[in-house]
């Protein structure tokens, strides 16, 4: 039981430490109050909007951004 609690506490602390360095998604109001620094475009196949937001978050982290805001999503269908 002690090992289980130790592992749980370790996982929670690791998750908290990881989220400190991750870029945070802004609300529309927060985004409107800031001047955009850069715009990025992500292309890929996403099953849900949450998957696309996760991809943008990873890219923002890679670029060193403190926050991000998703402006638009669009669907591209290739005709066969």
C-alpha atoms as a PDB file:
ATOM      1  CA  UNK A   1       0.000   0.000   0.000  1.00  0.00           C
ATOM      2  CA  UNK A   2       2.871   2.356   0.823  1.00  0.00           C
ATOM      3  CA  UNK A   3       4.470   1.722  -2.588  1.00  0.00           C
ATOM      4  CA  UNK A   4       1.132   2.364  -4.301  1.00  0.00           C
ATOM      5  CA  UNK A   5       0.755   5.724  -2.526  1.00  0.00           C
ATOM      6  CA  UNK A   6       4.353   6.649  -3.333  1.00  0.00           C
ATOM      7  CA  UNK A   7       3.844   5.880  -7.026  1.00  0.00           C
ATOM      8  CA  UNK A   8       0.599   7.855  -7.084  1.00  0.00           C
ATOM      9  CA  UNK A   9       2.224  10.852  -5.397  1.00  0.00           C
ATOM     10  CA  UNK A  10       5.171  10.649  -7.785  1.00  0.00           C
ATOM     11  CA  UNK A  11       2.860  10.561 -10.801  1.00  0.00           C
ATOM     12  CA  UNK A  12       0.874  13.556  -9.558  1.00  0.00           C
ATOM     13  CA  UNK A  13       4.003  15.590  -8.878  1.00  0.00           C
ATOM     14  CA  UNK A  14       5.424  14.688 -12.287  1.00  0.00           C
ATOM     15  CA  UNK A  15       2.203  15.755 -13.983  1.00  0.00           C
ATOM     16  CA  UNK A  16       2.212  19.033 -12.074  1.00  0.00           C
ATOM     17  CA  UNK A  17       5.832  19.710 -12.989  1.00  0.00           C
ATOM     18  CA  UNK A  18       5.172  18.914 -16.651  1.00  0.00           C
ATOM     19  CA  UNK A  19       2.192  21.263 -16.838  1.00  0.00           C
ATOM     20  CA  UNK A  20       4.289  24.155 -15.530  1.00  0.00           C
ATOM     21  CA  UNK A  21       6.343  24.154 -18.739  1.00  0.00           C
ATOM     22  CA  UNK A  22       3.454  23.501 -21.126  1.00  0.00           C
ATOM     23  CA  UNK A  23       1.868  26.262 -23.185  1.00  0.00           C
ATOM     24  CA  UNK A  24      -1.645  27.070 -22.008  1.00  0.00           C
ATOM     25  CA  UNK A  25      -4.651  27.532 -24.260  1.00  0.00           C
ATOM     26  CA  UNK A  26      -6.140  31.025 -24.055  1.00  0.00           C
ATOM     27  CA  UNK A  27      -9.803  31.965 -23.945  1.00  0.00           C
ATOM     28  CA  UNK A  28     -11.111  34.241 -26.727  1.00  0.00           C
ATOM     29  CA  UNK A  29     -11.074  37.194 -24.314  1.00  0.00           C
ATOM     30  CA  UNK A  30      -7.482  36.559 -23.269  1.00  0.00           C
ATOM     31  CA  UNK A  31      -6.391  36.151 -26.886  1.00  0.00           C
ATOM     32  CA  UNK A  32      -8.100  39.410 -27.907  1.00  0.00           C
ATOM     33  CA  UNK A  33      -6.197  41.295 -25.204  1.00  0.00           C
ATOM     34  CA  UNK A  34      -2.798  40.150 -26.512  1.00  0.00           C
ATOM     35  CA  UNK A  35      -0.869  40.998 -29.642  1.00  0.00           C
ATOM     36  CA  UNK A  36      -0.069  37.828 -31.622  1.00  0.00           C
ATOM     37  CA  UNK A  37       3.606  36.966 -31.773  1.00  0.00           C
ATOM     38  CA  UNK A  38       3.501  34.290 -34.439  1.00  0.00           C
ATOM     39  CA  UNK A  39       1.032  32.175 -36.371  1.00  0.00           C
ATOM     40  CA  UNK A  40       1.566  28.476 -36.983  1.00  0.00           C
ATOM     41  CA  UNK A  41      -0.258  26.024 -39.216  1.00  0.00           C
ATOM     42  CA  UNK A  42      -0.658  22.375 -38.303  1.00  0.00           C
ATOM     43  CA  UNK A  43      -1.711  19.813 -40.886  1.00  0.00           C
ATOM     44  CA  UNK A  44      -2.646  16.265 -40.101  1.00  0.00           C
ATOM     45  CA  UNK A  45      -5.455  13.852 -39.554  1.00  0.00           C
ATOM     46  CA  UNK A  46      -7.266  14.451 -36.283  1.00  0.00           C
ATOM     47  CA  UNK A  47     -10.232  12.434 -35.053  1.00  0.00           C
ATOM     48  CA  UNK A  48     -11.456  15.147 -32.685  1.00  0.00           C
ATOM     49  CA  UNK A  49     -10.843  18.824 -31.992  1.00  0.00           C
ATOM     50  CA  UNK A  50      -9.040  17.822 -28.807  1.00  0.00           C
ATOM     51  CA  UNK A  51      -6.474  15.927 -30.877  1.00  0.00           C
ATOM     52  CA  UNK A  52      -5.837  19.030 -32.977  1.00  0.00           C
ATOM     53  CA  UNK A  53      -5.516  21.205 -29.862  1.00  0.00           C
ATOM     54  CA  UNK A  54      -3.014  18.726 -28.413  1.00  0.00           C
ATOM     55  CA  UNK A  55      -0.958  18.928 -31.611  1.00  0.00           C
ATOM     56  CA  UNK A  56      -0.991  22.727 -31.464  1.00  0.00           C
ATOM     57  CA  UNK A  57      -0.011  22.617 -27.790  1.00  0.00           C
ATOM     58  CA  UNK A  58       2.965  20.364 -28.548  1.00  0.00           C
ATOM     59  CA  UNK A  59       4.038  22.682 -31.374  1.00  0.00           C
ATOM     60  CA  UNK A  60       3.685  25.743 -29.130  1.00  0.00           C
ATOM     61  CA  UNK A  61       5.829  24.021 -26.496  1.00  0.00           C
ATOM     62  CA  UNK A  62       8.433  23.199 -29.135  1.00  0.00           C
ATOM     63  CA  UNK A  63       8.497  26.839 -30.282  1.00  0.00           C
ATOM     64  CA  UNK A  64       8.815  28.040 -26.671  1.00  0.00           C
ATOM     65  CA  UNK A  65       5.437  29.781 -26.523  1.00  0.00           C
ATOM     66  CA  UNK A  66       3.827  30.462 -23.155  1.00  0.00           C
ATOM     67  CA  UNK A  67       0.291  30.253 -24.549  1.00  0.00           C
ATOM     68  CA  UNK A  68      -1.703  29.639 -27.717  1.00  0.00           C
ATOM     69  CA  UNK A  69      -5.153  30.204 -29.187  1.00  0.00           C
ATOM     70  CA  UNK A  70      -6.774  28.138 -31.942  1.00  0.00           C
ATOM     71  CA  UNK A  71      -8.169  30.585 -34.492  1.00  0.00           C
ATOM     72  CA  UNK A  72      -9.576  28.243 -37.105  1.00  0.00           C
ATOM     73  CA  UNK A  73      -9.848  24.646 -38.191  1.00  0.00           C
ATOM     74  CA  UNK A  74     -10.704  23.465 -41.663  1.00  0.00           C
ATOM     75  CA  UNK A  75     -11.232  20.182 -43.389  1.00  0.00           C
ATOM     76  CA  UNK A  76      -9.312  19.303 -46.508  1.00  0.00           C
ATOM     77  CA  UNK A  77     -10.709  16.479 -48.570  1.00  0.00           C
ATOM     78  CA  UNK A  78      -8.754  15.181 -51.499  1.00  0.00           C
ATOM     79  CA  UNK A  79     -10.861  13.987 -54.428  1.00  0.00           C
ATOM     80  CA  UNK A  80      -9.793  10.589 -55.753  1.00  0.00           C
END
